[in-house]
Amino acid sequence: MINGVVKMSKILNDFTIVEEIPVRWGDMDARGHVNNTIYYRYFESSRIALFQLLDIYEEPTTVRVGPILSYQSCYYKALLTYPDTIYVGAKITSIEGSKIIIKHILVSKKLQRKAAEGEAHI
């Protein structure tokens, strides 16, 4: 298992923030794996944690206009199942005018590999 931990650390090392998230039973669909839409929720959690870390998050009740998600992608690399623990990383890769581009990665502890990667434009 040590080699897997080292490999996962190398994959996640470039990301500003990494959230540890348990896969819940309710995240799975009738086919017995995590529903594809849930991956986007995992990305969202890491993105909000990144905003909080960088002190650019404001409670929705205190601002009238907030960040708008204009684009999001997810490239699925592996099926996730319950039980598992995942590590979801986020980092800003560029700022183009008023657009922030964020890269996401999702790594499965059980599979010891990357399960998805994606991008978001804010």
PDB file of N, CA and C in Angstrom:
ATOM      1  N   MET A   1       0.823  -1.201   0.000  1.00  0.00           N
ATOM      2  CA  MET A   1       0.000   0.000   0.000  1.00  0.00           C
ATOM      3  C   MET A   1       0.860   1.255   0.000  1.00  0.00           C
ATOM      4  N   ILE A   2       2.080   1.178   0.505  1.00  0.00           N
ATOM      5  CA  ILE A   2       2.944   2.359   0.563  1.00  0.00           C
ATOM      6  C   ILE A   2       3.183   2.921  -0.831  1.00  0.00           C
ATOM      7  N   ASN A   3       3.445   2.071  -1.821  1.00  0.00           N
ATOM      8  CA  ASN A   3       3.665   2.559  -3.189  1.00  0.00           C
ATOM      9  C   ASN A   3       2.447   3.303  -3.712  1.00  0.00           C
ATOM     10  N   GLY A   4       1.248   2.798  -3.399  1.00  0.00           N
ATOM     11  CA  GLY A   4       0.029   3.467  -3.822  1.00  0.00           C
ATOM     12  C   GLY A   4      -0.127   4.834  -3.187  1.00  0.00           C
ATOM     13  N   VAL A   5       0.216   4.941  -1.912  1.00  0.00           N
ATOM     14  CA  VAL A   5       0.125   6.228  -1.212  1.00  0.00           C
ATOM     15  C   VAL A   5       1.092   7.228  -1.822  1.00  0.00           C
ATOM     16  N   VAL A   6       2.301   6.790  -2.120  1.00  0.00           N
ATOM     17  CA  VAL A   6       3.293   7.670  -2.748  1.00  0.00           C
ATOM     18  C   VAL A   6       2.808   8.115  -4.117  1.00  0.00           C
ATOM     19  N   LYS A   7       2.267   7.186  -4.900  1.00  0.00           N
ATOM     20  CA  LYS A   7       1.759   7.516  -6.234  1.00  0.00           C
ATOM     21  C   LYS A   7       0.614   8.526  -6.135  1.00  0.00           C
ATOM     22  N   MET A   8      -0.316   8.307  -5.197  1.00  0.00           N
ATOM     23  CA  MET A   8      -1.437   9.235  -5.028  1.00  0.00           C
ATOM     24  C   MET A   8      -0.931  10.606  -4.603  1.00  0.00           C
ATOM     25  N   SER A   9       0.060  10.644  -3.729  1.00  0.00           N
ATOM     26  CA  SER A   9       0.621  11.923  -3.280  1.00  0.00           C
ATOM     27  C   SER A   9       1.214  12.696  -4.440  1.00  0.00           C
ATOM     28  N   LYS A  10       1.903  12.002  -5.328  1.00  0.00           N
ATOM     29  CA  LYS A  10       2.495  12.665  -6.496  1.00  0.00           C
ATOM     30  C   LYS A  10       1.412  13.242  -7.403  1.00  0.00           C
ATOM     31  N   ILE A  11       0.332  12.492  -7.591  1.00  0.00           N
ATOM     32  CA  ILE A  11      -0.764  12.956  -8.448  1.00  0.00           C
ATOM     33  C   ILE A  11      -1.407  14.209  -7.860  1.00  0.00           C
ATOM     34  N   LEU A  12      -1.587  14.237  -6.551  1.00  0.00           N
ATOM     35  CA  LEU A  12      -2.311  15.323  -5.886  1.00  0.00           C
ATOM     36  C   LEU A  12      -1.429  16.499  -5.498  1.00  0.00           C
ATOM     37  N   ASN A  13      -0.135  16.331  -5.551  1.00  0.00           N
ATOM     38  CA  ASN A  13       0.814  17.323  -5.051  1.00  0.00           C
ATOM     39  C   ASN A  13       0.696  18.694  -5.721  1.00  0.00           C
ATOM     40  N   ASP A  14       0.312  18.752  -6.984  1.00  0.00           N
ATOM     41  CA  ASP A  14       0.241  20.013  -7.724  1.00  0.00           C
ATOM     42  C   ASP A  14      -1.010  20.836  -7.415  1.00  0.00           C
ATOM     43  N   PHE A  15      -1.932  20.286  -6.649  1.00  0.00           N
ATOM     44  CA  PHE A  15      -3.209  20.960  -6.432  1.00  0.00           C
ATOM     45  C   PHE A  15      -3.176  21.811  -5.168  1.00  0.00           C
ATOM     46  N   THR A  16      -3.748  23.002  -5.274  1.00  0.00           N
ATOM     47  CA  THR A  16      -3.755  23.965  -4.172  1.00  0.00           C
ATOM     48  C   THR A  16      -4.485  23.417  -2.963  1.00  0.00           C
ATOM     49  N   ILE A  17      -5.578  22.729  -3.215  1.00  0.00           N
ATOM     50  CA  ILE A  17      -6.368  22.148  -2.124  1.00  0.00           C
ATOM     51  C   ILE A  17      -6.781  20.744  -2.516  1.00  0.00           C
ATOM     52  N   VAL A  18      -6.831  19.858  -1.535  1.00  0.00           N
ATOM     53  CA  VAL A  18      -7.305  18.488  -1.740  1.00  0.00           C
ATOM     54  C   VAL A  18      -8.294  18.181  -0.620  1.00  0.00           C
ATOM     55  N   GLU A  19      -9.505  17.844  -1.021  1.00  0.00           N
ATOM     56  CA  GLU A  19     -10.560  17.495  -0.074  1.00  0.00           C
ATOM     57  C   GLU A  19     -10.673  15.975   0.016  1.00  0.00           C
ATOM     58  N   GLU A  20     -10.766  15.455   1.215  1.00  0.00           N
ATOM     59  CA  GLU A  20     -11.023  14.027   1.423  1.00  0.00           C
ATOM     60  C   GLU A  20     -12.523  13.857   1.603  1.00  0.00           C
ATOM     61  N   ILE A  21     -13.139  13.045   0.738  1.00  0.00           N
ATOM     62  CA  ILE A  21     -14.594  12.891   0.749  1.00  0.00           C
ATOM     63  C   ILE A  21     -14.943  11.405   0.762  1.00  0.00           C
ATOM     64  N   PRO A  22     -15.765  10.964   1.710  1.00  0.00           N
ATOM     65  CA  PRO A  22     -16.202   9.564   1.680  1.00  0.00           C
ATOM     66  C   PRO A  22     -17.284   9.379   0.614  1.00  0.00           C
ATOM     67  N   VAL A  23     -17.188   8.301  -0.141  1.00  0.00           N
ATOM     68  CA  VAL A  23     -18.253   7.967  -1.090  1.00  0.00           C
ATOM     69  C   VAL A  23     -19.420   7.435  -0.265  1.00  0.00           C
ATOM     70  N   ARG A  24     -20.602   7.990  -0.507  1.00  0.00           N
ATOM     71  CA  ARG A  24     -21.795   7.582   0.237  1.00  0.00           C
ATOM     72  C   ARG A  24     -22.580   6.538  -0.562  1.00  0.00           C
ATOM     73  N   TRP A  25     -23.295   5.705   0.140  1.00  0.00           N
ATOM     74  CA  TRP A  25     -24.142   4.703  -0.508  1.00  0.00           C
ATOM     75  C   TRP A  25     -25.100   5.382  -1.491  1.00  0.00           C
ATOM     76  N   GLY A  26     -25.660   6.509  -1.089  1.00  0.00           N
ATOM     77  CA  GLY A  26     -26.622   7.225  -1.925  1.00  0.00           C
ATOM     78  C   GLY A  26     -26.018   7.871  -3.162  1.00  0.00           C
ATOM     79  N   ASP A  27     -24.686   7.891  -3.274  1.00  0.00           N
ATOM     80  CA  ASP A  27     -24.037   8.433  -4.474  1.00  0.00           C
ATOM     81  C   ASP A  27     -24.133   7.462  -5.648  1.00  0.00           C
ATOM     82  N   MET A  28     -24.442   6.203  -5.349  1.00  0.00           N
ATOM     83  CA  MET A  28     -24.495   5.191  -6.408  1.00  0.00           C
ATOM     84  C   MET A  28     -25.862   5.181  -7.083  1.00  0.00           C
ATOM     85  N   ASP A  29     -25.870   4.684  -8.320  1.00  0.00           N
ATOM     86  CA  ASP A  29     -27.122   4.549  -9.051  1.00  0.00           C
ATOM     87  C   ASP A  29     -27.497   3.069  -9.138  1.00  0.00           C
ATOM     88  N   ALA A  30     -28.517   2.760  -9.917  1.00  0.00           N
ATOM     89  CA  ALA A  30     -29.024   1.391 -10.018  1.00  0.00           C
ATOM     90  C   ALA A  30     -28.000   0.420 -10.607  1.00  0.00           C
ATOM     91  N   ARG A  31     -27.004   0.936 -11.285  1.00  0.00           N
ATOM     92  CA  ARG A  31     -25.975   0.065 -11.876  1.00  0.00           C
ATOM     93  C   ARG A  31     -24.860  -0.294 -10.890  1.00  0.00           C
ATOM     94  N   GLY A  32     -24.945   0.242  -9.667  1.00  0.00           N
ATOM     95  CA  GLY A  32     -24.006  -0.141  -8.632  1.00  0.00           C
ATOM     96  C   GLY A  32     -22.704   0.631  -8.609  1.00  0.00           C
ATOM     97  N   HIS A  33     -22.654   1.756  -9.312  1.00  0.00           N
ATOM     98  CA  HIS A  33     -21.473   2.622  -9.247  1.00  0.00           C
ATOM     99  C   HIS A  33     -21.925   4.059  -9.050  1.00  0.00           C
ATOM    100  N   VAL A  34     -20.992   4.918  -8.679  1.00  0.00           N
ATOM    101  CA  VAL A  34     -21.327   6.320  -8.433  1.00  0.00           C
ATOM    102  C   VAL A  34     -21.878   6.936  -9.716  1.00  0.00           C
ATOM    103  N   ASN A  35     -23.025   7.587  -9.593  1.00  0.00           N
ATOM    104  CA  ASN A  35     -23.665   8.233 -10.736  1.00  0.00           C
ATOM    105  C   ASN A  35     -22.758   9.314 -11.309  1.00  0.00           C
ATOM    106  N   ASN A  36     -22.740   9.437 -12.624  1.00  0.00           N
ATOM    107  CA  ASN A  36     -21.831  10.386 -13.284  1.00  0.00           C
ATOM    108  C   ASN A  36     -22.042  11.829 -12.837  1.00  0.00           C
ATOM    109  N   THR A  37     -23.253  12.199 -12.467  1.00  0.00           N
ATOM    110  CA  THR A  37     -23.495  13.584 -12.043  1.00  0.00           C
ATOM    111  C   THR A  37     -22.856  13.896 -10.692  1.00  0.00           C
ATOM    112  N   ILE A  38     -22.624  12.883  -9.884  1.00  0.00           N
ATOM    113  CA  ILE A  38     -22.047  13.086  -8.552  1.00  0.00           C
ATOM    114  C   ILE A  38     -20.596  13.550  -8.653  1.00  0.00           C
ATOM    115  N   TYR A  39     -19.891  13.145  -9.695  1.00  0.00           N
ATOM    116  CA  TYR A  39     -18.511  13.595  -9.885  1.00  0.00           C
ATOM    117  C   TYR A  39     -18.467  15.129  -9.929  1.00  0.00           C
ATOM    118  N   TYR A  40     -19.467  15.723 -10.583  1.00  0.00           N
ATOM    119  CA  TYR A  40     -19.534  17.186 -10.642  1.00  0.00           C
ATOM    120  C   TYR A  40     -19.757  17.784  -9.251  1.00  0.00           C
ATOM    121  N   ARG A  41     -20.515  17.102  -8.408  1.00  0.00           N
ATOM    122  CA  ARG A  41     -20.714  17.563  -7.023  1.00  0.00           C
ATOM    123  C   ARG A  41     -19.401  17.510  -6.247  1.00  0.00           C
ATOM    124  N   TYR A  42     -18.638  16.435  -6.475  1.00  0.00           N
ATOM    125  CA  TYR A  42     -17.334  16.332  -5.816  1.00  0.00           C
ATOM    126  C   TYR A  42     -16.432  17.487  -6.252  1.00  0.00           C
ATOM    127  N   PHE A  43     -16.433  17.781  -7.553  1.00  0.00           N
ATOM    128  CA  PHE A  43     -15.638  18.913  -8.061  1.00  0.00           C
ATOM    129  C   PHE A  43     -16.103  20.219  -7.413  1.00  0.00           C
ATOM    130  N   GLU A  44     -17.412  20.392  -7.307  1.00  0.00           N
ATOM    131  CA  GLU A  44     -17.971  21.600  -6.699  1.00  0.00           C
ATOM    132  C   GLU A  44     -17.476  21.774  -5.261  1.00  0.00           C
ATOM    133  N   SER A  45     -17.456  20.694  -4.503  1.00  0.00           N
ATOM    134  CA  SER A  45     -16.987  20.764  -3.112  1.00  0.00           C
ATOM    135  C   SER A  45     -15.545  21.242  -3.034  1.00  0.00           C
ATOM    136  N   SER A  46     -14.694  20.725  -3.916  1.00  0.00           N
ATOM    137  CA  SER A  46     -13.287  21.144  -3.879  1.00  0.00           C
ATOM    138  C   SER A  46     -13.131  22.584  -4.363  1.00  0.00           C
ATOM    139  N   ARG A  47     -13.960  22.984  -5.308  1.00  0.00           N
ATOM    140  CA  ARG A  47     -13.894  24.356  -5.824  1.00  0.00           C
ATOM    141  C   ARG A  47     -14.285  25.368  -4.737  1.00  0.00           C
ATOM    142  N   ILE A  48     -15.347  25.080  -3.994  1.00  0.00           N
ATOM    143  CA  ILE A  48     -15.767  25.976  -2.914  1.00  0.00           C
ATOM    144  C   ILE A  48     -14.705  26.007  -1.818  1.00  0.00           C
ATOM    145  N   ALA A  49     -14.115  24.858  -1.505  1.00  0.00           N
ATOM    146  CA  ALA A  49     -13.030  24.820  -0.511  1.00  0.00           C
ATOM    147  C   ALA A  49     -11.844  25.659  -0.981  1.00  0.00           C
ATOM    148  N   LEU A  50     -11.563  25.636  -2.283  1.00  0.00           N
ATOM    149  CA  LEU A  50     -10.489  26.462  -2.845  1.00  0.00           C
ATOM    150  C   LEU A  50     -10.814  27.941  -2.668  1.00  0.00           C
ATOM    151  N   PHE A  51     -12.046  28.331  -2.971  1.00  0.00           N
ATOM    152  CA  PHE A  51     -12.458  29.729  -2.797  1.00  0.00           C
ATOM    153  C   PHE A  51     -12.331  30.156  -1.334  1.00  0.00           C
ATOM    154  N   GLN A  52     -12.716  29.273  -0.423  1.00  0.00           N
ATOM    155  CA  GLN A  52     -12.606  29.596   1.005  1.00  0.00           C
ATOM    156  C   GLN A  52     -11.147  29.740   1.418  1.00  0.00           C
ATOM    157  N   LEU A  53     -10.299  28.848   0.943  1.00  0.00           N
ATOM    158  CA  LEU A  53      -8.872  28.918   1.259  1.00  0.00           C
ATOM    159  C   LEU A  53      -8.259  30.224   0.767  1.00  0.00           C
ATOM    160  N   LEU A  54      -8.652  30.648  -0.430  1.00  0.00           N
ATOM    161  CA  LEU A  54      -8.113  31.870  -1.029  1.00  0.00           C
ATOM    162  C   LEU A  54      -8.843  33.123  -0.553  1.00  0.00           C
ATOM    163  N   ASP A  55      -9.819  32.941   0.323  1.00  0.00           N
ATOM    164  CA  ASP A  55     -10.604  34.033   0.898  1.00  0.00           C
ATOM    165  C   ASP A  55     -11.355  34.836  -0.168  1.00  0.00           C
ATOM    166  N   ILE A  56     -11.877  34.114  -1.171  1.00  0.00           N
ATOM    167  CA  ILE A  56     -12.685  34.777  -2.205  1.00  0.00           C
ATOM    168  C   ILE A  56     -14.126  34.257  -2.204  1.00  0.00           C
ATOM    169  N   TYR A  57     -14.474  33.503  -1.172  1.00  0.00           N
ATOM    170  CA  TYR A  57     -15.836  32.998  -1.035  1.00  0.00           C
ATOM    171  C   TYR A  57     -16.629  33.928  -0.131  1.00  0.00           C
ATOM    172  N   GLU A  58     -17.849  34.237  -0.551  1.00  0.00           N
ATOM    173  CA  GLU A  58     -18.761  35.004   0.297  1.00  0.00           C
ATOM    174  C   GLU A  58     -20.073  34.248   0.390  1.00  0.00           C
ATOM    175  N   GLU A  59     -20.670  34.285   1.563  1.00  0.00           N
ATOM    176  CA  GLU A  59     -21.959  33.623   1.756  1.00  0.00           C
ATOM    177  C   GLU A  59     -22.975  34.197   0.763  1.00  0.00           C
ATOM    178  N   PRO A  60     -23.779  33.330   0.135  1.00  0.00           N
ATOM    179  CA  PRO A  60     -24.774  33.813  -0.832  1.00  0.00           C
ATOM    180  C   PRO A  60     -25.734  34.850  -0.262  1.00  0.00           C
ATOM    181  N   THR A  61     -25.949  34.856   1.037  1.00  0.00           N
ATOM    182  CA  THR A  61     -26.877  35.813   1.640  1.00  0.00           C
ATOM    183  C   THR A  61     -26.267  37.203   1.794  1.00  0.00           C
ATOM    184  N   THR A  62     -24.937  37.325   1.665  1.00  0.00           N
ATOM    185  CA  THR A  62     -24.287  38.625   1.865  1.00  0.00           C
ATOM    186  C   THR A  62     -23.972  39.352   0.561  1.00  0.00           C
ATOM    187  N   VAL A  63     -24.087  38.675  -0.560  1.00  0.00           N
ATOM    188  CA  VAL A  63     -23.798  39.307  -1.850  1.00  0.00           C
ATOM    189  C   VAL A  63     -24.978  39.116  -2.794  1.00  0.00           C
ATOM    190  N   ARG A  64     -25.151  40.068  -3.683  1.00  0.00           N
ATOM    191  CA  ARG A  64     -26.253  39.969  -4.650  1.00  0.00           C
ATOM    192  C   ARG A  64     -25.841  39.195  -5.893  1.00  0.00           C
ATOM    193  N   VAL A  65     -24.574  39.291  -6.249  1.00  0.00           N
ATOM    194  CA  VAL A  65     -24.076  38.597  -7.433  1.00  0.00           C
ATOM    195  C   VAL A  65     -22.842  37.808  -7.022  1.00  0.00           C
ATOM    196  N   GLY A  66     -22.802  36.553  -7.406  1.00  0.00           N
ATOM    197  CA  GLY A  66     -21.659  35.715  -7.061  1.00  0.00           C
ATOM    198  C   GLY A  66     -21.027  35.136  -8.304  1.00  0.00           C
ATOM    199  N   PRO A  67     -20.078  34.253  -8.110  1.00  0.00           N
ATOM    200  CA  PRO A  67     -19.426  33.623  -9.255  1.00  0.00           C
ATOM    201  C   PRO A  67     -20.411  32.755 -10.030  1.00  0.00           C
ATOM    202  N   ILE A  68     -20.268  32.768 -11.338  1.00  0.00           N
ATOM    203  CA  ILE A  68     -21.153  31.999 -12.211  1.00  0.00           C
ATOM    204  C   ILE A  68     -20.329  30.932 -12.912  1.00  0.00           C
ATOM    205  N   LEU A  69     -20.784  29.693 -12.812  1.00  0.00           N
ATOM    206  CA  LEU A  69     -20.133  28.584 -13.498  1.00  0.00           C
ATOM    207  C   LEU A  69     -20.591  28.599 -14.947  1.00  0.00           C
ATOM    208  N   SER A  70     -19.683  28.912 -15.874  1.00  0.00           N
ATOM    209  CA  SER A  70     -20.068  29.013 -17.281  1.00  0.00           C
ATOM    210  C   SER A  70     -19.741  27.753 -18.073  1.00  0.00           C
ATOM    211  N   TYR A  71     -18.846  26.923 -17.545  1.00  0.00           N
ATOM    212  CA  TYR A  71     -18.446  25.706 -18.253  1.00  0.00           C
ATOM    213  C   TYR A  71     -17.872  24.733 -17.243  1.00  0.00           C
ATOM    214  N   GLN A  72     -18.161  23.456 -17.453  1.00  0.00           N
ATOM    215  CA  GLN A  72     -17.556  22.427 -16.615  1.00  0.00           C
ATOM    216  C   GLN A  72     -17.439  21.147 -17.419  1.00  0.00           C
ATOM    217  N   SER A  73     -16.306  20.462 -17.267  1.00  0.00           N
ATOM    218  CA  SER A  73     -16.099  19.194 -17.956  1.00  0.00           C
ATOM    219  C   SER A  73     -15.651  18.138 -16.964  1.00  0.00           C
ATOM    220  N   CYS A  74     -15.870  16.890 -17.336  1.00  0.00           N
ATOM    221  CA  CYS A  74     -15.400  15.769 -16.530  1.00  0.00           C
ATOM    222  C   CYS A  74     -15.001  14.646 -17.473  1.00  0.00           C
ATOM    223  N   TYR A  75     -13.772  14.199 -17.343  1.00  0.00           N
ATOM    224  CA  TYR A  75     -13.271  13.066 -18.115  1.00  0.00           C
ATOM    225  C   TYR A  75     -13.159  11.894 -17.149  1.00  0.00           C
ATOM    226  N   TYR A  76     -14.029  10.917 -17.347  1.00  0.00           N
ATOM    227  CA  TYR A  76     -14.110   9.780 -16.437  1.00  0.00           C
ATOM    228  C   TYR A  76     -12.994   8.786 -16.758  1.00  0.00           C
ATOM    229  N   LYS A  77     -12.273   8.373 -15.724  1.00  0.00           N
ATOM    230  CA  LYS A  77     -11.151   7.447 -15.886  1.00  0.00           C
ATOM    231  C   LYS A  77     -11.432   6.089 -15.242  1.00  0.00           C
ATOM    232  N   ALA A  78     -12.292   6.064 -14.224  1.00  0.00           N
ATOM    233  CA  ALA A  78     -12.596   4.819 -13.509  1.00  0.00           C
ATOM    234  C   ALA A  78     -13.946   4.940 -12.813  1.00  0.00           C
ATOM    235  N   LEU A  79     -14.619   3.803 -12.664  1.00  0.00           N
ATOM    236  CA  LEU A  79     -15.891   3.769 -11.946  1.00  0.00           C
ATOM    237  C   LEU A  79     -15.633   3.739 -10.446  1.00  0.00           C
ATOM    238  N   LEU A  80     -16.365   4.548  -9.719  1.00  0.00           N
ATOM    239  CA  LEU A  80     -16.283   4.560  -8.261  1.00  0.00           C
ATOM    240  C   LEU A  80     -17.444   3.762  -7.686  1.00  0.00           C
ATOM    241  N   THR A  81     -17.196   3.104  -6.560  1.00  0.00           N
ATOM    242  CA  THR A  81     -18.246   2.366  -5.865  1.00  0.00           C
ATOM    243  C   THR A  81     -18.126   2.607  -4.364  1.00  0.00           C
ATOM    244  N   TYR A  82     -19.203   2.317  -3.672  1.00  0.00           N
ATOM    245  CA  TYR A  82     -19.213   2.381  -2.213  1.00  0.00           C
ATOM    246  C   TYR A  82     -18.734   1.038  -1.681  1.00  0.00           C
ATOM    247  N   PRO A  83     -17.958   0.985  -0.641  1.00  0.00           N
ATOM    248  CA  PRO A  83     -17.338   2.083   0.098  1.00  0.00           C
ATOM    249  C   PRO A  83     -16.016   2.499  -0.551  1.00  0.00           C
ATOM    250  N   ASP A  84     -15.683   3.748  -0.403  1.00  0.00           N
ATOM    251  CA  ASP A  84     -14.408   4.278  -0.891  1.00  0.00           C
ATOM    252  C   ASP A  84     -14.213   5.652  -0.249  1.00  0.00           C
ATOM    253  N   THR A  85     -13.016   6.110  -0.291  1.00  0.00           N
ATOM    254  CA  THR A  85     -12.684   7.479   0.083  1.00  0.00           C
ATOM    255  C   THR A  85     -11.998   8.073  -1.124  1.00  0.00           C
ATOM    256  N   ILE A  86     -12.390   9.282  -1.472  1.00  0.00           N
ATOM    257  CA  ILE A  86     -11.779   9.929  -2.633  1.00  0.00           C
ATOM    258  C   ILE A  86     -11.086  11.207  -2.193  1.00  0.00           C
ATOM    259  N   TYR A  87     -10.139  11.603  -2.989  1.00  0.00           N
ATOM    260  CA  TYR A  87      -9.413  12.854  -2.780  1.00  0.00           C
ATOM    261  C   TYR A  87      -9.664  13.705  -4.012  1.00  0.00           C
ATOM    262  N   VAL A  88     -10.224  14.888  -3.792  1.00  0.00           N
ATOM    263  CA  VAL A  88     -10.605  15.758  -4.898  1.00  0.00           C
ATOM    264  C   VAL A  88      -9.782  17.036  -4.804  1.00  0.00           C
ATOM    265  N   GLY A  89      -8.976  17.268  -5.834  1.00  0.00           N
ATOM    266  CA  GLY A  89      -8.103  18.430  -5.850  1.00  0.00           C
ATOM    267  C   GLY A  89      -8.627  19.521  -6.763  1.00  0.00           C
ATOM    268  N   ALA A  90      -8.253  20.755  -6.441  1.00  0.00           N
ATOM    269  CA  ALA A  90      -8.612  21.911  -7.263  1.00  0.00           C
ATOM    270  C   ALA A  90      -7.449  22.894  -7.262  1.00  0.00           C
ATOM    271  N   LYS A  91      -7.243  23.518  -8.418  1.00  0.00           N
ATOM    272  CA  LYS A  91      -6.241  24.584  -8.518  1.00  0.00           C
ATOM    273  C   LYS A  91      -6.624  25.510  -9.660  1.00  0.00           C
ATOM    274  N   ILE A  92      -6.279  26.768  -9.500  1.00  0.00           N
ATOM    275  CA  ILE A  92      -6.495  27.745 -10.563  1.00  0.00           C
ATOM    276  C   ILE A  92      -5.345  27.599 -11.550  1.00  0.00           C
ATOM    277  N   THR A  93      -5.696  27.397 -12.828  1.00  0.00           N
ATOM    278  CA  THR A  93      -4.652  27.259 -13.846  1.00  0.00           C
ATOM    279  C   THR A  93      -4.427  28.549 -14.612  1.00  0.00           C
ATOM    280  N   SER A  94      -5.460  29.393 -14.695  1.00  0.00           N
ATOM    281  CA  SER A  94      -5.269  30.694 -15.339  1.00  0.00           C
ATOM    282  C   SER A  94      -6.426  31.628 -15.008  1.00  0.00           C
ATOM    283  N   ILE A  95      -6.137  32.902 -15.160  1.00  0.00           N
ATOM    284  CA  ILE A  95      -7.156  33.944 -15.035  1.00  0.00           C
ATOM    285  C   ILE A  95      -7.089  34.746 -16.317  1.00  0.00           C
ATOM    286  N   GLU A  96      -8.209  34.760 -17.037  1.00  0.00           N
ATOM    287  CA  GLU A  96      -8.284  35.441 -18.330  1.00  0.00           C
ATOM    288  C   GLU A  96      -9.372  36.505 -18.248  1.00  0.00           C
ATOM    289  N   GLY A  97      -8.972  37.726 -17.982  1.00  0.00           N
ATOM    290  CA  GLY A  97      -9.950  38.800 -17.784  1.00  0.00           C
ATOM    291  C   GLY A  97     -10.754  38.509 -16.533  1.00  0.00           C
ATOM    292  N   SER A  98     -12.070  38.354 -16.708  1.00  0.00           N
ATOM    293  CA  SER A  98     -12.926  38.061 -15.555  1.00  0.00           C
ATOM    294  C   SER A  98     -13.179  36.560 -15.396  1.00  0.00           C
ATOM    295  N   LYS A  99     -12.539  35.739 -16.219  1.00  0.00           N
ATOM    296  CA  LYS A  99     -12.745  34.284 -16.173  1.00  0.00           C
ATOM    297  C   LYS A  99     -11.612  33.601 -15.406  1.00  0.00           C
ATOM    298  N   ILE A 100     -11.997  32.744 -14.462  1.00  0.00           N
ATOM    299  CA  ILE A 100     -11.042  31.928 -13.711  1.00  0.00           C
ATOM    300  C   ILE A 100     -11.183  30.495 -14.202  1.00  0.00           C
ATOM    301  N   ILE A 101     -10.075  29.880 -14.581  1.00  0.00           N
ATOM    302  CA  ILE A 101     -10.091  28.492 -15.033  1.00  0.00           C
ATOM    303  C   ILE A 101      -9.497  27.621 -13.928  1.00  0.00           C
ATOM    304  N   ILE A 102     -10.277  26.626 -13.524  1.00  0.00           N
ATOM    305  CA  ILE A 102      -9.897  25.744 -12.424  1.00  0.00           C
ATOM    306  C   ILE A 102      -9.790  24.315 -12.941  1.00  0.00           C
ATOM    307  N   LYS A 103      -8.705  23.657 -12.577  1.00  0.00           N
ATOM    308  CA  LYS A 103      -8.521  22.245 -12.916  1.00  0.00           C
ATOM    309  C   LYS A 103      -8.891  21.411 -11.698  1.00  0.00           C
ATOM    310  N   HIS A 104      -9.577  20.295 -11.947  1.00  0.00           N
ATOM    311  CA  HIS A 104      -9.986  19.370 -10.896  1.00  0.00           C
ATOM    312  C   HIS A 104      -9.394  17.988 -11.155  1.00  0.00           C
ATOM    313  N   ILE A 105      -9.160  17.269 -10.080  1.00  0.00           N
ATOM    314  CA  ILE A 105      -8.747  15.871 -10.164  1.00  0.00           C
ATOM    315  C   ILE A 105      -9.454  15.103  -9.061  1.00  0.00           C
ATOM    316  N   LEU A 106      -9.777  13.851  -9.339  1.00  0.00           N
ATOM    317  CA  LEU A 106     -10.438  12.993  -8.365  1.00  0.00           C
ATOM    318  C   LEU A 106      -9.674  11.674  -8.322  1.00  0.00           C
ATOM    319  N   VAL A 107      -9.188  11.307  -7.144  1.00  0.00           N
ATOM    320  CA  VAL A 107      -8.388  10.092  -6.973  1.00  0.00           C
ATOM    321  C   VAL A 107      -9.083   9.169  -5.977  1.00  0.00           C
ATOM    322  N   SER A 108      -9.186   7.890  -6.332  1.00  0.00           N
ATOM    323  CA  SER A 108      -9.809   6.890  -5.468  1.00  0.00           C
ATOM    324  C   SER A 108      -8.761   6.226  -4.579  1.00  0.00           C
ATOM    325  N   LYS A 109      -9.039   6.212  -3.289  1.00  0.00           N
ATOM    326  CA  LYS A 109      -8.144   5.519  -2.355  1.00  0.00           C
ATOM    327  C   LYS A 109      -8.207   4.010  -2.581  1.00  0.00           C
ATOM    328  N   LYS A 110      -9.425   3.493  -2.799  1.00  0.00           N
ATOM    329  CA  LYS A 110      -9.598   2.052  -2.987  1.00  0.00           C
ATOM    330  C   LYS A 110      -8.911   1.570  -4.270  1.00  0.00           C
ATOM    331  N   LEU A 111      -9.066   2.327  -5.343  1.00  0.00           N
ATOM    332  CA  LEU A 111      -8.482   1.922  -6.625  1.00  0.00           C
ATOM    333  C   LEU A 111      -7.014   2.325  -6.760  1.00  0.00           C
ATOM    334  N   GLN A 112      -6.582   3.273  -5.906  1.00  0.00           N
ATOM    335  CA  GLN A 112      -5.207   3.781  -5.955  1.00  0.00           C
ATOM    336  C   GLN A 112      -4.869   4.372  -7.323  1.00  0.00           C
ATOM    337  N   ARG A 113      -5.842   5.115  -7.874  1.00  0.00           N
ATOM    338  CA  ARG A 113      -5.619   5.736  -9.178  1.00  0.00           C
ATOM    339  C   ARG A 113      -6.573   6.900  -9.395  1.00  0.00           C
ATOM    340  N   LYS A 114      -6.282   7.643 -10.454  1.00  0.00           N
ATOM    341  CA  LYS A 114      -7.129   8.761 -10.850  1.00  0.00           C
ATOM    342  C   LYS A 114      -8.450   8.206 -11.381  1.00  0.00           C
ATOM    343  N   ALA A 115      -9.563   8.736 -10.877  1.00  0.00           N
ATOM    344  CA  ALA A 115     -10.879   8.292 -11.322  1.00  0.00           C
ATOM    345  C   ALA A 115     -11.535   9.297 -12.265  1.00  0.00           C
ATOM    346  N   ALA A 116     -11.109  10.564 -12.197  1.00  0.00           N
ATOM    347  CA  ALA A 116     -11.668  11.588 -13.086  1.00  0.00           C
ATOM    348  C   ALA A 116     -10.799  12.836 -13.029  1.00  0.00           C
ATOM    349  N   GLU A 117     -10.910  13.625 -14.075  1.00  0.00           N
ATOM    350  CA  GLU A 117     -10.312  14.958 -14.081  1.00  0.00           C
ATOM    351  C   GLU A 117     -11.223  15.870 -14.874  1.00  0.00           C
ATOM    352  N   GLY A 118     -11.166  17.138 -14.566  1.00  0.00           N
ATOM    353  CA  GLY A 118     -12.064  18.059 -15.234  1.00  0.00           C
ATOM    354  C   GLY A 118     -11.598  19.491 -15.121  1.00  0.00           C
ATOM    355  N   GLU A 119     -12.433  20.367 -15.663  1.00  0.00           N
ATOM    356  CA  GLU A 119     -12.113  21.790 -15.684  1.00  0.00           C
ATOM    357  C   GLU A 119     -13.394  22.571 -15.457  1.00  0.00           C
ATOM    358  N   ALA A 120     -13.256  23.722 -14.830  1.00  0.00           N
ATOM    359  CA  ALA A 120     -14.394  24.613 -14.611  1.00  0.00           C
ATOM    360  C   ALA A 120     -13.987  26.025 -14.981  1.00  0.00           C
ATOM    361  N   HIS A 121     -14.915  26.757 -15.600  1.00  0.00           N
ATOM    362  CA  HIS A 121     -14.706  28.170 -15.912  1.00  0.00           C
ATOM    363  C   HIS A 121     -15.684  28.966 -15.068  1.00  0.00           C
ATOM    364  N   ILE A 122     -15.155  29.897 -14.308  1.00  0.00           N
ATOM    365  CA  ILE A 122     -15.965  30.740 -13.431  1.00  0.00           C
ATOM    366  C   ILE A 122     -15.882  32.170 -13.935  1.00  0.00           C
TER     367      ILE A 122
END
